[in-house]
């Protein structure tokens, strides 16, 4: 079983929603390796789309995911359950500013 999972759960012309989450218990030094492999496995499928991340991540995992995705996607937004919306956290697009709510 993987230590971290990344799954495309919804996709349209502009966006791809990725469900992320922990798998088999492990420490972050092991989890980040699986997180990198998991996000790389879906990277071709989501390339060029705005990414909506939904699910738990430790800080080291969040950095791995952001680094892998920011090179291939115009923007990354992370779900905030308190707001009930996605918060744009990375943007290389004039369409989105960091802090925008989606």
Protein backbone atom coordinates (compact mmCIF):
# COMPACT_ATOMS: atom_id res chain seq x y z
CA UNK A 1 0.00 0.00 0.00
CA UNK A 2 1.23 3.49 -0.81
CA UNK A 3 2.21 5.91 1.93
CA UNK A 4 0.56 8.79 0.07
CA UNK A 5 -2.13 8.93 -2.60
CA UNK A 6 -2.96 11.41 -5.35
CA UNK A 7 -6.02 10.72 -7.49
CA UNK A 8 -7.72 12.75 -10.20
CA UNK A 9 -11.38 12.78 -9.14
CA UNK A 10 -12.79 15.42 -11.46
CA UNK A 11 -11.56 17.21 -14.53
CA UNK A 12 -12.94 19.66 -17.06
CA UNK A 13 -11.49 21.89 -19.75
CA UNK A 14 -9.79 24.22 -17.25
CA UNK A 15 -9.50 22.46 -13.88
CA UNK A 16 -8.43 19.18 -12.34
CA UNK A 17 -9.47 18.24 -8.82
CA UNK A 18 -7.01 15.98 -7.04
CA UNK A 19 -7.99 14.00 -3.95
CA UNK A 20 -4.88 13.66 -1.82
CA UNK A 21 -4.29 11.74 1.37
CA UNK A 22 -2.17 9.54 3.53
CA UNK A 23 -1.98 5.79 3.04
CA UNK A 24 0.08 3.33 5.00
CA UNK A 25 1.53 4.88 8.19
CA UNK A 26 5.08 6.15 7.77
CA UNK A 27 7.30 9.10 8.61
CA UNK A 28 7.58 12.16 6.36
CA UNK A 29 10.96 11.12 4.95
CA UNK A 30 9.22 8.10 3.43
CA UNK A 31 5.88 9.77 2.69
CA UNK A 32 7.42 12.52 0.53
CA UNK A 33 8.95 9.89 -1.77
CA UNK A 34 5.53 8.31 -2.35
CA UNK A 35 3.88 11.73 -2.70
CA UNK A 36 6.36 12.69 -5.42
CA UNK A 37 5.78 9.43 -7.29
CA UNK A 38 1.99 9.74 -6.93
CA UNK A 39 1.83 13.29 -8.27
CA UNK A 40 4.22 12.45 -11.11
CA UNK A 41 1.91 9.58 -12.08
CA UNK A 42 -0.95 12.02 -12.79
CA UNK A 43 1.11 14.97 -14.01
CA UNK A 44 0.70 14.30 -17.73
CA UNK A 45 -3.07 13.97 -17.30
CA UNK A 46 -3.42 17.31 -15.47
CA UNK A 47 -0.79 19.33 -17.33
CA UNK A 48 -2.00 22.82 -18.21
CA UNK A 49 -5.01 22.70 -15.89
CA UNK A 50 -5.63 24.72 -12.73
CA UNK A 51 -5.19 22.26 -9.88
CA UNK A 52 -7.66 22.00 -7.00
CA UNK A 53 -6.16 20.00 -4.13
CA UNK A 54 -8.48 18.46 -1.57
CA UNK A 55 -7.33 16.33 1.35
CA UNK A 56 -4.76 16.17 4.13
CA UNK A 57 -1.05 16.82 3.66
CA UNK A 58 1.85 17.43 5.99
CA UNK A 59 3.97 20.50 5.28
CA UNK A 60 6.77 18.46 3.62
CA UNK A 61 4.20 16.72 1.40
CA UNK A 62 2.53 20.02 0.50
CA UNK A 63 5.88 21.39 -0.67
CA UNK A 64 6.54 18.29 -2.81
CA UNK A 65 3.11 18.54 -4.42
CA UNK A 66 3.36 22.28 -5.04
CA UNK A 67 6.82 21.99 -6.53
CA UNK A 68 5.82 19.21 -8.91
CA UNK A 69 2.61 20.88 -10.02
CA UNK A 70 3.67 24.53 -10.27
CA UNK A 71 5.97 23.70 -13.19
CA UNK A 72 3.16 22.24 -15.29
CA UNK A 73 0.01 24.10 -14.19
CA UNK A 74 -1.04 27.76 -14.27
CA UNK A 75 -2.36 27.78 -10.70
CA UNK A 76 -2.80 25.61 -7.62
CA UNK A 77 -5.63 26.09 -5.14
CA UNK A 78 -6.08 24.20 -1.87
CA UNK A 79 -9.43 23.43 -0.24
CA UNK A 80 -10.04 25.21 3.06
CA UNK A 81 -12.88 23.50 4.93
CA UNK A 82 -13.42 26.56 7.16
CA UNK A 83 -14.14 28.69 4.09
CA UNK A 84 -15.74 25.91 2.08
CA UNK A 85 -13.72 27.10 -0.91
CA UNK A 86 -10.37 26.60 -2.60
CA UNK A 87 -7.67 29.19 -1.87
CA UNK A 88 -5.27 29.97 -4.72
CA UNK A 89 -1.82 29.36 -3.23
CA UNK A 90 0.37 29.40 -6.35
CA UNK A 91 -0.28 31.28 -9.57
CA UNK A 92 1.62 31.80 -12.79
CA UNK A 93 -1.53 33.03 -14.52
CA UNK A 94 -3.05 36.48 -14.97
CA UNK A 95 -6.41 34.78 -14.34
CA UNK A 96 -5.65 34.06 -10.67
CA UNK A 97 -4.02 35.95 -7.82
CA UNK A 98 -2.69 34.28 -4.68
CA UNK A 99 -5.52 34.48 -2.14
CA UNK A 100 -8.34 34.27 -4.68
CA UNK A 101 -11.19 32.03 -3.56
CA UNK A 102 -12.59 29.50 -6.01
